[in-house]
Amino acid sequence: MTDHTLAPKKPRRPFFLRRGPMEALAVALIALGFLMLFQPFALVLYTYSFITLLAGTLMFTIVSKFPE
């Protein structure tokens, strides 16, 4: 006899479609942008800090719409 009360397992989503890890990556990107903005050593890091912050913010906005 088989037990039909157990729900079938849902296949796991790929890493880049999971909300938790991608939100963590977006927050890390935002933090990296802030570090790049407030460091006094390399002008190239300061130059790309706004783009890094913007990319992290856009990524967080998009990823926060993913299902749990």
Protein backbone atom coordinates (compact mmCIF):
# COMPACT_ATOMS: atom_id res chain seq x y z
CA MET A 1 0.00 0.00 0.00
CA THR A 2 1.10 3.53 -0.66
CA ASP A 3 0.37 6.51 1.50
CA HIS A 4 -1.08 9.33 -0.59
CA THR A 5 -1.24 11.80 2.27
CA LEU A 6 2.39 12.84 1.88
CA ALA A 7 2.87 15.84 -0.36
CA PRO A 8 5.28 15.37 -3.25
CA LYS A 9 8.65 17.05 -2.83
CA LYS A 10 9.01 20.32 -4.67
CA PRO A 11 12.18 20.60 -6.73
CA ARG A 12 14.66 23.10 -5.31
CA ARG A 13 15.20 26.29 -7.22
CA PRO A 14 18.65 27.10 -8.60
CA PHE A 15 20.85 29.27 -6.37
CA PHE A 16 20.29 32.43 -8.41
CA LEU A 17 16.49 32.12 -8.04
CA ARG A 18 16.39 31.68 -4.26
CA ARG A 19 15.41 34.71 -2.26
CA GLY A 20 17.52 34.26 0.87
CA PRO A 21 20.97 33.86 -0.66
CA MET A 22 20.38 36.50 -3.30
CA GLU A 23 19.17 39.05 -0.73
CA ALA A 24 22.31 38.37 1.29
CA LEU A 25 24.41 38.90 -1.83
CA ALA A 26 22.62 42.17 -2.58
CA VAL A 27 23.18 43.44 0.98
CA ALA A 28 26.86 42.49 0.72
CA LEU A 29 27.09 44.43 -2.54
CA ILE A 30 25.52 47.48 -0.90
CA ALA A 31 27.96 47.21 2.04
CA LEU A 32 30.87 46.91 -0.38
CA GLY A 33 29.68 50.08 -2.14
CA PHE A 34 29.63 51.98 1.16
CA LEU A 35 33.11 50.76 2.03
CA MET A 36 34.32 51.84 -1.39
CA LEU A 37 32.69 55.25 -0.92
CA PHE A 38 34.25 56.01 2.48
CA GLN A 39 37.79 54.70 1.99
CA PRO A 40 40.54 57.31 1.54
CA PHE A 41 43.12 55.22 -0.34
CA ALA A 42 42.16 54.46 -3.93
CA LEU A 43 40.41 56.88 -6.26
CA VAL A 44 39.28 54.05 -8.56
CA LEU A 45 37.29 52.45 -5.72
CA TYR A 46 35.64 55.78 -4.96
CA THR A 47 34.85 56.20 -8.67
CA TYR A 48 32.94 52.93 -8.89
CA SER A 49 31.29 53.12 -5.45
CA PHE A 50 28.06 54.73 -6.68
CA ILE A 51 27.64 52.15 -9.44
CA THR A 52 28.20 49.37 -6.90
CA LEU A 53 25.64 50.88 -4.51
CA LEU A 54 23.15 51.30 -7.32
CA ALA A 55 23.62 47.72 -8.54
CA GLY A 56 23.15 46.35 -5.02
CA THR A 57 20.04 48.42 -4.45
CA LEU A 58 18.47 47.41 -7.77
CA MET A 59 19.36 43.78 -7.12
CA PHE A 60 17.78 43.91 -3.65
CA THR A 61 14.63 45.52 -5.05
CA ILE A 62 14.25 42.83 -7.71
CA VAL A 63 15.17 39.87 -5.49
CA SER A 64 12.82 40.95 -2.70
CA LYS A 65 9.94 40.18 -5.10
CA PHE A 66 10.98 36.51 -5.42
CA PRO A 67 8.78 33.96 -3.62
CA GLU A 68 10.07 32.53 -0.34
